[in-house]
Amino acid sequence: MRAVQVVRLDGPGAVEVRDLPEPQRGPDQVLVDVRAIGVNFPDVLQTKGLYQYRPELPFILGSEVAGVVREAPEGSSLRPGDRVAAFTSTGAFAEVVAAPADQVLPLPDEVGFAAGACLPMNYLTAHFALLVRGHLREGQKVLVQGAAGGVGTAVIQLAVALGARVIAVTSTQEKAEVAREAGAHETVPADGFKDAVKELTGGEGVDLVVDPVGGDRFIDSLRCLAPEGKLLVVGFTAGEIPTVKVNRLLLNNIDVVGVGWGAFASRRPGYMHQQWAELEPHLRSGALNPLISTTLPLERAAKALAIIDERRVTGKVVLEP
């Protein structure tokens, strides 16, 4: 099979497409013929050796796919030919993957393979952030940083589907249009977003801030919170991990909440399937529909990674074998 390996740790150019043996299915794994592959910011970090999980070189990159079941464990509800999405941790940039059965999810007929490959990481993260860590309630106000990216658009769509009012922060007009396409009720520019949010909310602030960006926006995000509001820390695409003086939390009765979906879900058998079941009605209705900006063949994996690394991505980048 063809697969994309990281052969050194110096960025997107450090990947090569190679012919490799197909994976052998373990007793608790599902073998999937891949039709589409989701590309994510952690994939870029792995090409630089900057992600918390560092496999030994060389390794096959990637963590999420959609495709068709070739083999499944005895007793599994899955059958050969079933359409699925899967979270693989590594090994996704390939024509065939072996994924843990607990992380292989039935793909509704209404969802295409390209969209299915965009779902596991971003949409399960959005679900965990909003409902488990943020305790989102209908009618609340949500501010989304990095709103035109894969996580941002997923959070927007799910928050809207759950009845929230969503304000999106974007760095360009083009990205504002993407956020509105995802369903954001209002958009504000990154430059001066704090004052814009205060004006939009009549000075009240928002109940949740979802932040996959970090960096120098962090303190102003805290200032956007209403009393008892929560800032949900999802990631640091800006590259800088911010700090906060905790007296800000004390004086304003606000929370900073970590959102580490992968670590949480991987230790709880059945949890991803529970999340998937809660998302499925929204997937079938079309309320959750990933915005795909770029689709490239597997051979152009380096290009796909560079688009994300250079902050040019809107929505999601997908590879097709």
C-alpha atoms as a PDB file:
ATOM      1  CA  MET A   1       0.000   0.000   0.000  1.00  0.00           C
ATOM      2  CA  ARG A   2       0.986   3.637  -0.335  1.00  0.00           C
ATOM      3  CA  ALA A   3       1.488   5.527   2.908  1.00  0.00           C
ATOM      4  CA  VAL A   4       2.937   8.845   4.077  1.00  0.00           C
ATOM      5  CA  GLN A   5       5.787   8.530   6.561  1.00  0.00           C
ATOM      6  CA  VAL A   6       7.522  11.147   8.649  1.00  0.00           C
ATOM      7  CA  VAL A   7      11.213  10.440   8.024  1.00  0.00           C
ATOM      8  CA  ARG A   8      12.759  13.366   9.933  1.00  0.00           C
ATOM      9  CA  LEU A   9      11.497  16.105  12.241  1.00  0.00           C
ATOM     10  CA  ASP A  10      11.810  19.361  10.320  1.00  0.00           C
ATOM     11  CA  GLY A  11       8.247  20.176   9.320  1.00  0.00           C
ATOM     12  CA  PRO A  12       5.798  19.363   6.494  1.00  0.00           C
ATOM     13  CA  GLY A  13       8.601  18.748   4.023  1.00  0.00           C
ATOM     14  CA  ALA A  14       9.781  15.857   6.207  1.00  0.00           C
ATOM     15  CA  VAL A  15       7.198  13.423   4.835  1.00  0.00           C
ATOM     16  CA  GLU A  16       7.602  10.905   2.032  1.00  0.00           C
ATOM     17  CA  VAL A  17       5.099   8.712   0.202  1.00  0.00           C
ATOM     18  CA  ARG A  18       6.351   5.127   0.329  1.00  0.00           C
ATOM     19  CA  ASP A  19       5.199   1.641  -0.608  1.00  0.00           C
ATOM     20  CA  LEU A  20       4.791  -0.303   2.625  1.00  0.00           C
ATOM     21  CA  PRO A  21       3.260  -3.598   3.733  1.00  0.00           C
ATOM     22  CA  GLU A  22      -0.403  -3.395   4.677  1.00  0.00           C
ATOM     23  CA  PRO A  23      -1.083  -3.463   8.439  1.00  0.00           C
ATOM     24  CA  GLN A  24      -2.108  -6.727  10.046  1.00  0.00           C
ATOM     25  CA  ARG A  25      -5.311  -6.566  12.052  1.00  0.00           C
ATOM     26  CA  GLY A  26      -4.961  -7.293  15.752  1.00  0.00           C
ATOM     27  CA  PRO A  27      -7.679  -9.234  17.614  1.00  0.00           C
ATOM     28  CA  ASP A  28      -9.439  -6.027  18.755  1.00  0.00           C
ATOM     29  CA  GLN A  29      -8.899  -4.036  15.587  1.00  0.00           C
ATOM     30  CA  VAL A  30     -10.878  -3.267  12.441  1.00  0.00           C
ATOM     31  CA  LEU A  31      -9.153  -3.236   9.059  1.00  0.00           C
ATOM     32  CA  VAL A  32     -10.414  -0.334   6.942  1.00  0.00           C
ATOM     33  CA  ASP A  33      -9.900   0.419   3.257  1.00  0.00           C
ATOM     34  CA  VAL A  34      -9.411   4.170   3.344  1.00  0.00           C
ATOM     35  CA  ARG A  35     -11.428   6.526   1.139  1.00  0.00           C
ATOM     36  CA  ALA A  36     -10.553   9.869   2.790  1.00  0.00           C
ATOM     37  CA  ILE A  37      -8.152  11.199   5.438  1.00  0.00           C
ATOM     38  CA  GLY A  38      -8.527  14.232   7.700  1.00  0.00           C
ATOM     39  CA  VAL A  39      -5.475  16.482   8.156  1.00  0.00           C
ATOM     40  CA  ASN A  40      -5.070  18.283  11.494  1.00  0.00           C
ATOM     41  CA  PHE A  41      -2.811  20.748  13.272  1.00  0.00           C
ATOM     42  CA  PRO A  42      -1.381  17.995  15.539  1.00  0.00           C
ATOM     43  CA  ASP A  43      -0.164  16.269  12.363  1.00  0.00           C
ATOM     44  CA  VAL A  44       1.922  19.352  11.598  1.00  0.00           C
ATOM     45  CA  LEU A  45       3.302  19.349  15.145  1.00  0.00           C
ATOM     46  CA  GLN A  46       4.278  15.693  14.777  1.00  0.00           C
ATOM     47  CA  THR A  47       6.350  16.480  11.676  1.00  0.00           C
ATOM     48  CA  LYS A  48       8.361  18.825  13.909  1.00  0.00           C
ATOM     49  CA  GLY A  49       8.582  16.574  16.970  1.00  0.00           C
ATOM     50  CA  LEU A  50       6.524  19.107  18.947  1.00  0.00           C
ATOM     51  CA  TYR A  51       3.469  17.012  19.804  1.00  0.00           C
ATOM     52  CA  GLN A  52       3.152  15.242  23.162  1.00  0.00           C
ATOM     53  CA  TYR A  53       3.021  11.862  21.384  1.00  0.00           C
ATOM     54  CA  ARG A  54       6.320  11.194  19.589  1.00  0.00           C
ATOM     55  CA  PRO A  55       6.492   7.865  17.742  1.00  0.00           C
ATOM     56  CA  GLU A  56       9.887   6.552  16.671  1.00  0.00           C
ATOM     57  CA  LEU A  57      10.979   7.486  13.167  1.00  0.00           C
ATOM     58  CA  PRO A  58       9.899   6.635  10.576  1.00  0.00           C
ATOM     59  CA  PHE A  59       6.167   6.516  11.282  1.00  0.00           C
ATOM     60  CA  ILE A  60       2.944   6.840   9.306  1.00  0.00           C
ATOM     61  CA  LEU A  61       1.270  10.162  10.063  1.00  0.00           C
ATOM     62  CA  GLY A  62      -2.382  10.887  10.726  1.00  0.00           C
ATOM     63  CA  SER A  63      -5.228  10.126  13.101  1.00  0.00           C
ATOM     64  CA  GLU A  64      -8.600  10.112  11.328  1.00  0.00           C
ATOM     65  CA  VAL A  65     -10.055   8.415   8.280  1.00  0.00           C
ATOM     66  CA  ALA A  66     -13.268   7.367   6.622  1.00  0.00           C
ATOM     67  CA  GLY A  67     -13.613   4.254   4.548  1.00  0.00           C
ATOM     68  CA  VAL A  68     -15.035   0.751   4.212  1.00  0.00           C
ATOM     69  CA  VAL A  69     -14.576  -2.152   6.616  1.00  0.00           C
ATOM     70  CA  ARG A  70     -12.512  -4.988   5.166  1.00  0.00           C
ATOM     71  CA  GLU A  71     -12.268  -7.123   8.327  1.00  0.00           C
ATOM     72  CA  ALA A  72     -13.747  -6.830  11.828  1.00  0.00           C
ATOM     73  CA  PRO A  73     -13.309  -8.810  15.058  1.00  0.00           C
ATOM     74  CA  GLU A  74     -15.592 -11.728  15.766  1.00  0.00           C
ATOM     75  CA  GLY A  75     -18.665 -10.519  17.611  1.00  0.00           C
ATOM     76  CA  SER A  76     -18.345  -6.959  16.326  1.00  0.00           C
ATOM     77  CA  SER A  77     -21.428  -5.107  15.127  1.00  0.00           C
ATOM     78  CA  LEU A  78     -19.402  -4.091  12.068  1.00  0.00           C
ATOM     79  CA  ARG A  79     -19.376  -6.135   8.880  1.00  0.00           C
ATOM     80  CA  PRO A  80     -17.200  -6.081   5.752  1.00  0.00           C
ATOM     81  CA  GLY A  81     -18.492  -3.358   3.450  1.00  0.00           C
ATOM     82  CA  ASP A  82     -19.798  -1.100   6.231  1.00  0.00           C
ATOM     83  CA  ARG A  83     -19.046   2.601   5.847  1.00  0.00           C
ATOM     84  CA  VAL A  84     -17.159   3.981   8.859  1.00  0.00           C
ATOM     85  CA  ALA A  85     -15.152   6.834  10.287  1.00  0.00           C
ATOM     86  CA  ALA A  86     -12.237   5.997  12.577  1.00  0.00           C
ATOM     87  CA  PHE A  87      -9.792   7.606  14.971  1.00  0.00           C
ATOM     88  CA  THR A  88      -6.409   5.913  14.682  1.00  0.00           C
ATOM     89  CA  SER A  89      -3.939   8.025  16.748  1.00  0.00           C
ATOM     90  CA  THR A  90      -1.305   7.324  14.054  1.00  0.00           C
ATOM     91  CA  GLY A  91      -1.179   5.504  10.718  1.00  0.00           C
ATOM     92  CA  ALA A  92      -4.063   7.299   8.959  1.00  0.00           C
ATOM     93  CA  PHE A  93      -2.147   8.664   5.958  1.00  0.00           C
ATOM     94  CA  ALA A  94      -2.363   5.337   4.133  1.00  0.00           C
ATOM     95  CA  GLU A  95      -4.534   3.290   1.810  1.00  0.00           C
ATOM     96  CA  VAL A  96      -5.339   0.763   4.566  1.00  0.00           C
ATOM     97  CA  VAL A  97      -5.488   1.244   8.342  1.00  0.00           C
ATOM     98  CA  ALA A  98      -5.974  -0.982  11.366  1.00  0.00           C
ATOM     99  CA  ALA A  99      -7.959   0.933  14.001  1.00  0.00           C
ATOM    100  CA  PRO A 100      -9.083  -0.069  17.507  1.00  0.00           C
ATOM    101  CA  ALA A 101     -12.625  -1.400  17.251  1.00  0.00           C
ATOM    102  CA  ASP A 102     -13.724   0.955  20.029  1.00  0.00           C
ATOM    103  CA  GLN A 103     -12.670   3.911  17.853  1.00  0.00           C
ATOM    104  CA  VAL A 104     -14.403   2.864  14.621  1.00  0.00           C
ATOM    105  CA  LEU A 105     -17.742   4.617  14.199  1.00  0.00           C
ATOM    106  CA  PRO A 106     -20.608   3.806  11.808  1.00  0.00           C
ATOM    107  CA  LEU A 107     -20.923   6.497   9.152  1.00  0.00           C
ATOM    108  CA  PRO A 108     -24.512   7.551   8.398  1.00  0.00           C
ATOM    109  CA  ASP A 109     -25.589   7.191   4.767  1.00  0.00           C
ATOM    110  CA  GLU A 110     -26.187  10.956   4.650  1.00  0.00           C
ATOM    111  CA  VAL A 111     -22.473  11.669   5.259  1.00  0.00           C
ATOM    112  CA  GLY A 112     -19.908  11.275   2.472  1.00  0.00           C
ATOM    113  CA  PHE A 113     -16.439   9.849   2.991  1.00  0.00           C
ATOM    114  CA  ALA A 114     -14.667  13.222   2.746  1.00  0.00           C
ATOM    115  CA  ALA A 115     -16.935  14.712   5.407  1.00  0.00           C
ATOM    116  CA  GLY A 116     -16.654  11.547   7.507  1.00  0.00           C
ATOM    117  CA  ALA A 117     -12.868  11.879   7.622  1.00  0.00           C
ATOM    118  CA  CYS A 118     -13.282  15.338   9.177  1.00  0.00           C
ATOM    119  CA  LEU A 119     -15.481  14.229  12.053  1.00  0.00           C
ATOM    120  CA  PRO A 120     -13.640  12.169  14.696  1.00  0.00           C
ATOM    121  CA  MET A 121     -11.091  14.627  16.056  1.00  0.00           C
ATOM    122  CA  ASN A 122     -12.789  17.997  15.617  1.00  0.00           C
ATOM    123  CA  TYR A 123     -16.420  17.149  16.224  1.00  0.00           C
ATOM    124  CA  LEU A 124     -15.824  14.813  19.162  1.00  0.00           C
ATOM    125  CA  THR A 125     -13.552  17.503  20.614  1.00  0.00           C
ATOM    126  CA  ALA A 126     -16.317  20.077  20.098  1.00  0.00           C
ATOM    127  CA  HIS A 127     -18.818  17.793  21.835  1.00  0.00           C
ATOM    128  CA  PHE A 128     -16.466  17.209  24.771  1.00  0.00           C
ATOM    129  CA  ALA A 129     -15.642  20.919  25.039  1.00  0.00           C
ATOM    130  CA  LEU A 130     -19.160  22.297  24.903  1.00  0.00           C
ATOM    131  CA  LEU A 131     -21.137  19.656  26.762  1.00  0.00           C
ATOM    132  CA  VAL A 132     -18.731  17.927  29.152  1.00  0.00           C
ATOM    133  CA  ARG A 133     -16.245  20.665  30.047  1.00  0.00           C
ATOM    134  CA  GLY A 134     -18.360  23.728  29.281  1.00  0.00           C
ATOM    135  CA  HIS A 135     -21.822  22.445  30.353  1.00  0.00           C
ATOM    136  CA  LEU A 136     -23.405  24.444  27.542  1.00  0.00           C
ATOM    137  CA  ARG A 137     -27.100  25.233  27.896  1.00  0.00           C
ATOM    138  CA  GLU A 138     -29.550  26.374  25.267  1.00  0.00           C
ATOM    139  CA  GLY A 139     -29.638  30.156  24.935  1.00  0.00           C
ATOM    140  CA  GLN A 140     -26.098  30.750  26.193  1.00  0.00           C
ATOM    141  CA  LYS A 141     -23.573  32.880  24.327  1.00  0.00           C
ATOM    142  CA  VAL A 142     -20.398  31.278  22.950  1.00  0.00           C
ATOM    143  CA  LEU A 143     -17.322  33.089  21.625  1.00  0.00           C
ATOM    144  CA  VAL A 144     -15.162  30.999  19.271  1.00  0.00           C
ATOM    145  CA  GLN A 145     -11.525  31.862  18.596  1.00  0.00           C
ATOM    146  CA  GLY A 146      -9.885  30.528  15.431  1.00  0.00           C
ATOM    147  CA  ALA A 147     -13.421  30.255  14.148  1.00  0.00           C
ATOM    148  CA  ALA A 148     -12.581  29.471  10.509  1.00  0.00           C
ATOM    149  CA  GLY A 149     -10.402  26.445  11.284  1.00  0.00           C
ATOM    150  CA  GLY A 150     -11.401  22.807  11.616  1.00  0.00           C
ATOM    151  CA  VAL A 151     -12.059  22.922  15.368  1.00  0.00           C
ATOM    152  CA  GLY A 152     -13.610  26.378  15.156  1.00  0.00           C
ATOM    153  CA  THR A 153     -16.151  25.495  12.477  1.00  0.00           C
ATOM    154  CA  ALA A 154     -17.030  22.257  14.286  1.00  0.00           C
ATOM    155  CA  VAL A 155     -17.643  24.163  17.534  1.00  0.00           C
ATOM    156  CA  ILE A 156     -19.765  26.756  15.721  1.00  0.00           C
ATOM    157  CA  GLN A 157     -21.965  24.137  14.068  1.00  0.00           C
ATOM    158  CA  LEU A 158     -22.488  22.103  17.236  1.00  0.00           C
ATOM    159  CA  ALA A 159     -23.118  25.150  19.442  1.00  0.00           C
ATOM    160  CA  VAL A 160     -25.721  26.442  16.993  1.00  0.00           C
ATOM    161  CA  ALA A 161     -27.342  22.996  16.773  1.00  0.00           C
ATOM    162  CA  LEU A 162     -27.599  23.009  20.580  1.00  0.00           C
ATOM    163  CA  GLY A 163     -29.333  26.385  20.635  1.00  0.00           C
ATOM    164  CA  ALA A 164     -26.478  28.721  21.546  1.00  0.00           C
ATOM    165  CA  ARG A 165     -25.757  32.189  20.149  1.00  0.00           C
ATOM    166  CA  VAL A 166     -22.316  32.112  18.545  1.00  0.00           C
ATOM    167  CA  ILE A 167     -19.876  34.986  18.031  1.00  0.00           C
ATOM    168  CA  ALA A 168     -16.860  34.120  15.871  1.00  0.00           C
ATOM    169  CA  VAL A 169     -13.424  35.752  16.053  1.00  0.00           C
ATOM    170  CA  THR A 170     -11.501  35.738  12.764  1.00  0.00           C
ATOM    171  CA  SER A 171      -8.354  37.379  11.429  1.00  0.00           C
ATOM    172  CA  THR A 172      -9.584  38.184   7.889  1.00  0.00           C
ATOM    173  CA  GLN A 173     -12.811  38.934   6.059  1.00  0.00           C
ATOM    174  CA  GLU A 174     -12.444  35.688   4.108  1.00  0.00           C
ATOM    175  CA  LYS A 175     -12.318  33.736   7.348  1.00  0.00           C
ATOM    176  CA  ALA A 176     -15.316  35.684   8.680  1.00  0.00           C
ATOM    177  CA  GLU A 177     -17.299  34.488   5.667  1.00  0.00           C
ATOM    178  CA  VAL A 178     -16.281  30.890   6.459  1.00  0.00           C
ATOM    179  CA  ALA A 179     -17.433  31.299  10.063  1.00  0.00           C
ATOM    180  CA  ARG A 180     -20.776  32.677   8.910  1.00  0.00           C
ATOM    181  CA  GLU A 181     -21.130  29.770   6.486  1.00  0.00           C
ATOM    182  CA  ALA A 182     -20.595  27.448   9.456  1.00  0.00           C
ATOM    183  CA  GLY A 183     -23.501  29.179  11.198  1.00  0.00           C
ATOM    184  CA  ALA A 184     -22.008  31.917  13.397  1.00  0.00           C
ATOM    185  CA  HIS A 185     -24.592  34.553  14.271  1.00  0.00           C
ATOM    186  CA  GLU A 186     -22.011  37.351  14.413  1.00  0.00           C
ATOM    187  CA  THR A 187     -18.348  37.726  13.515  1.00  0.00           C
ATOM    188  CA  VAL A 188     -15.798  40.138  14.951  1.00  0.00           C
ATOM    189  CA  PRO A 189     -12.217  40.864  13.833  1.00  0.00           C
ATOM    190  CA  ALA A 190      -9.371  39.544  15.963  1.00  0.00           C
ATOM    191  CA  ASP A 191      -8.030  43.089  16.286  1.00  0.00           C
ATOM    192  CA  GLY A 192     -10.180  44.674  18.993  1.00  0.00           C
ATOM    193  CA  PHE A 193     -12.475  41.688  19.496  1.00  0.00           C
ATOM    194  CA  LYS A 194     -12.930  42.371  23.237  1.00  0.00           C
ATOM    195  CA  ASP A 195     -14.665  45.701  22.726  1.00  0.00           C
ATOM    196  CA  ALA A 196     -16.722  44.337  19.842  1.00  0.00           C
ATOM    197  CA  VAL A 197     -17.949  41.434  21.995  1.00  0.00           C
ATOM    198  CA  LYS A 198     -18.880  43.751  24.843  1.00  0.00           C
ATOM    199  CA  GLU A 199     -20.915  45.863  22.432  1.00  0.00           C
ATOM    200  CA  LEU A 200     -22.665  42.857  20.887  1.00  0.00           C
ATOM    201  CA  THR A 201     -23.621  41.495  24.310  1.00  0.00           C
ATOM    202  CA  GLY A 202     -24.701  44.801  25.812  1.00  0.00           C
ATOM    203  CA  GLY A 203     -21.744  44.717  28.175  1.00  0.00           C
ATOM    204  CA  GLU A 204     -22.741  41.369  29.650  1.00  0.00           C
ATOM    205  CA  GLY A 205     -20.062  39.229  28.049  1.00  0.00           C
ATOM    206  CA  VAL A 206     -20.318  35.595  26.943  1.00  0.00           C
ATOM    207  CA  ASP A 207     -20.891  32.391  28.877  1.00  0.00           C
ATOM    208  CA  LEU A 208     -18.194  30.346  27.104  1.00  0.00           C
ATOM    209  CA  VAL A 209     -15.055  31.108  25.133  1.00  0.00           C
ATOM    210  CA  VAL A 210     -13.719  28.193  23.092  1.00  0.00           C
ATOM    211  CA  ASP A 211     -10.031  28.827  22.392  1.00  0.00           C
ATOM    212  CA  PRO A 212      -7.894  26.576  20.173  1.00  0.00           C
ATOM    213  CA  VAL A 213      -5.514  29.492  19.497  1.00  0.00           C
ATOM    214  CA  GLY A 214      -3.928  30.703  22.751  1.00  0.00           C
ATOM    215  CA  GLY A 215      -1.234  33.337  22.372  1.00  0.00           C
ATOM    216  CA  ASP A 216      -1.886  37.021  22.932  1.00  0.00           C
ATOM    217  CA  ARG A 217      -5.670  36.750  22.599  1.00  0.00           C
ATOM    218  CA  PHE A 218      -5.984  34.823  25.852  1.00  0.00           C
ATOM    219  CA  ILE A 219      -6.296  37.672  28.373  1.00  0.00           C
ATOM    220  CA  ASP A 220      -8.831  39.563  26.277  1.00  0.00           C
ATOM    221  CA  SER A 221     -10.791  36.310  25.948  1.00  0.00           C
ATOM    222  CA  LEU A 222     -10.997  36.191  29.736  1.00  0.00           C
ATOM    223  CA  ARG A 223     -12.209  39.787  29.736  1.00  0.00           C
ATOM    224  CA  CYS A 224     -15.043  38.771  27.424  1.00  0.00           C
ATOM    225  CA  LEU A 225     -16.533  36.373  29.976  1.00  0.00           C
ATOM    226  CA  ALA A 226     -19.675  37.093  31.944  1.00  0.00           C
ATOM    227  CA  PRO A 227     -19.609  36.256  35.674  1.00  0.00           C
ATOM    228  CA  GLU A 228     -19.361  32.464  36.122  1.00  0.00           C
ATOM    229  CA  GLY A 229     -18.229  32.137  32.515  1.00  0.00           C
ATOM    230  CA  LYS A 230     -15.688  29.604  31.324  1.00  0.00           C
ATOM    231  CA  LEU A 231     -12.738  29.822  28.958  1.00  0.00           C
ATOM    232  CA  LEU A 232     -12.195  26.408  27.364  1.00  0.00           C
ATOM    233  CA  VAL A 233      -8.543  25.773  26.465  1.00  0.00           C
ATOM    234  CA  VAL A 234      -8.496  23.514  23.406  1.00  0.00           C
ATOM    235  CA  GLY A 235      -5.055  24.164  21.923  1.00  0.00           C
ATOM    236  CA  PHE A 236      -2.332  26.607  20.970  1.00  0.00           C
ATOM    237  CA  THR A 237      -2.250  27.106  17.213  1.00  0.00           C
ATOM    238  CA  ALA A 238      -0.679  30.525  17.778  1.00  0.00           C
ATOM    239  CA  GLY A 239       2.380  28.658  19.053  1.00  0.00           C
ATOM    240  CA  GLU A 240       2.507  30.480  22.390  1.00  0.00           C
ATOM    241  CA  ILE A 241       1.128  28.941  25.583  1.00  0.00           C
ATOM    242  CA  PRO A 242      -0.367  31.809  27.612  1.00  0.00           C
ATOM    243  CA  THR A 243      -0.365  32.261  31.373  1.00  0.00           C
ATOM    244  CA  VAL A 244      -2.906  33.886  33.648  1.00  0.00           C
ATOM    245  CA  LYS A 245      -2.762  35.462  37.093  1.00  0.00           C
ATOM    246  CA  VAL A 246      -5.388  33.620  39.066  1.00  0.00           C
ATOM    247  CA  ASN A 247      -6.622  36.773  40.799  1.00  0.00           C
ATOM    248  CA  ARG A 248      -8.458  37.474  37.512  1.00  0.00           C
ATOM    249  CA  LEU A 249     -10.432  34.285  38.074  1.00  0.00           C
ATOM    250  CA  LEU A 250     -11.121  35.119  41.699  1.00  0.00           C
ATOM    251  CA  LEU A 251     -12.280  38.695  41.165  1.00  0.00           C
ATOM    252  CA  ASN A 252     -14.614  37.905  38.280  1.00  0.00           C
ATOM    253  CA  ASN A 253     -15.794  34.422  39.326  1.00  0.00           C
ATOM    254  CA  ILE A 254     -14.671  32.884  36.045  1.00  0.00           C
ATOM    255  CA  ASP A 255     -13.004  29.573  35.137  1.00  0.00           C
ATOM    256  CA  VAL A 256     -10.237  28.434  32.827  1.00  0.00           C
ATOM    257  CA  VAL A 257     -11.014  24.832  31.837  1.00  0.00           C
ATOM    258  CA  GLY A 258      -8.746  22.375  30.045  1.00  0.00           C
ATOM    259  CA  VAL A 259     -10.183  20.398  27.125  1.00  0.00           C
ATOM    260  CA  GLY A 260      -8.079  17.295  26.500  1.00  0.00           C
ATOM    261  CA  TRP A 261     -10.487  15.085  24.568  1.00  0.00           C
ATOM    262  CA  GLY A 262      -7.977  12.490  23.375  1.00  0.00           C
ATOM    263  CA  ALA A 263      -6.568  11.650  26.798  1.00  0.00           C
ATOM    264  CA  PHE A 264     -10.064  11.532  28.305  1.00  0.00           C
ATOM    265  CA  ALA A 265     -11.664   9.390  25.606  1.00  0.00           C
ATOM    266  CA  SER A 266      -8.799   6.920  25.198  1.00  0.00           C
ATOM    267  CA  ARG A 267      -9.088   5.814  28.833  1.00  0.00           C
ATOM    268  CA  ARG A 268     -12.851   5.217  28.698  1.00  0.00           C
ATOM    269  CA  PRO A 269     -13.964   2.267  26.542  1.00  0.00           C
ATOM    270  CA  GLY A 270     -17.173   3.047  24.712  1.00  0.00           C
ATOM    271  CA  TYR A 271     -16.950   6.798  25.266  1.00  0.00           C
ATOM    272  CA  MET A 272     -16.425   7.730  21.599  1.00  0.00           C
ATOM    273  CA  HIS A 273     -19.434   5.634  20.612  1.00  0.00           C
ATOM    274  CA  GLN A 274     -21.498   7.402  23.284  1.00  0.00           C
ATOM    275  CA  GLN A 275     -20.459  10.784  21.862  1.00  0.00           C
ATOM    276  CA  TRP A 276     -21.129   9.598  18.315  1.00  0.00           C
ATOM    277  CA  ALA A 277     -24.646   8.502  19.230  1.00  0.00           C
ATOM    278  CA  GLU A 278     -25.371  11.983  20.590  1.00  0.00           C
ATOM    279  CA  LEU A 279     -24.001  13.625  17.433  1.00  0.00           C
ATOM    280  CA  GLU A 280     -25.693  11.256  14.973  1.00  0.00           C
ATOM    281  CA  PRO A 281     -29.074  13.054  14.749  1.00  0.00           C
ATOM    282  CA  HIS A 282     -27.246  16.287  13.889  1.00  0.00           C
ATOM    283  CA  LEU A 283     -25.117  14.450  11.318  1.00  0.00           C
ATOM    284  CA  ARG A 284     -28.178  12.966   9.662  1.00  0.00           C
ATOM    285  CA  SER A 285     -29.996  16.319   9.608  1.00  0.00           C
ATOM    286  CA  GLY A 286     -27.015  18.096   8.054  1.00  0.00           C
ATOM    287  CA  ALA A 287     -26.592  20.475  11.003  1.00  0.00           C
ATOM    288  CA  LEU A 288     -23.063  19.084  11.395  1.00  0.00           C
ATOM    289  CA  ASN A 289     -21.445  19.241   7.970  1.00  0.00           C
ATOM    290  CA  PRO A 290     -17.670  19.828   7.858  1.00  0.00           C
ATOM    291  CA  LEU A 291     -16.509  22.716   5.680  1.00  0.00           C
ATOM    292  CA  ILE A 292     -13.819  21.285   3.397  1.00  0.00           C
ATOM    293  CA  SER A 293     -11.622  23.938   1.806  1.00  0.00           C
ATOM    294  CA  THR A 294      -9.000  21.737   0.158  1.00  0.00           C
ATOM    295  CA  THR A 295      -8.935  18.149  -1.108  1.00  0.00           C
ATOM    296  CA  LEU A 296      -5.617  16.735  -2.324  1.00  0.00           C
ATOM    297  CA  PRO A 297      -4.303  13.310  -3.377  1.00  0.00           C
ATOM    298  CA  LEU A 298      -2.207  11.345  -0.893  1.00  0.00           C
ATOM    299  CA  GLU A 299       0.947  12.179  -2.871  1.00  0.00           C
ATOM    300  CA  ARG A 300       0.507  15.853  -1.933  1.00  0.00           C
ATOM    301  CA  ALA A 301       0.442  15.296   1.813  1.00  0.00           C
ATOM    302  CA  ALA A 302       3.330  17.738   2.302  1.00  0.00           C
ATOM    303  CA  LYS A 303       1.272  20.451   0.601  1.00  0.00           C
ATOM    304  CA  ALA A 304      -1.736  19.699   2.799  1.00  0.00           C
ATOM    305  CA  LEU A 305       0.394  19.987   5.931  1.00  0.00           C
ATOM    306  CA  ALA A 306       2.003  23.223   4.695  1.00  0.00           C
ATOM    307  CA  ILE A 307      -1.400  24.858   4.206  1.00  0.00           C
ATOM    308  CA  ILE A 308      -2.134  24.287   7.891  1.00  0.00           C
ATOM    309  CA  ASP A 309       1.376  25.185   9.043  1.00  0.00           C
ATOM    310  CA  GLU A 310       1.239  28.512   7.196  1.00  0.00           C
ATOM    311  CA  ARG A 311      -2.144  29.401   8.773  1.00  0.00           C
ATOM    312  CA  ARG A 312      -3.816  29.478   5.352  1.00  0.00           C
ATOM    313  CA  VAL A 313      -6.408  26.856   6.163  1.00  0.00           C
ATOM    314  CA  THR A 314     -10.121  27.544   6.411  1.00  0.00           C
ATOM    315  CA  GLY A 315     -12.356  24.686   7.416  1.00  0.00           C
ATOM    316  CA  LYS A 316     -10.712  21.348   6.793  1.00  0.00           C
ATOM    317  CA  VAL A 317      -8.042  19.821   4.550  1.00  0.00           C
ATOM    318  CA  VAL A 318      -8.662  16.297   3.264  1.00  0.00           C
ATOM    319  CA  LEU A 319      -6.436  13.752   1.519  1.00  0.00           C
ATOM    320  CA  GLU A 320      -7.773  11.043  -0.779  1.00  0.00           C
ATOM    321  CA  PRO A 321      -5.722   7.870  -1.535  1.00  0.00           C
END
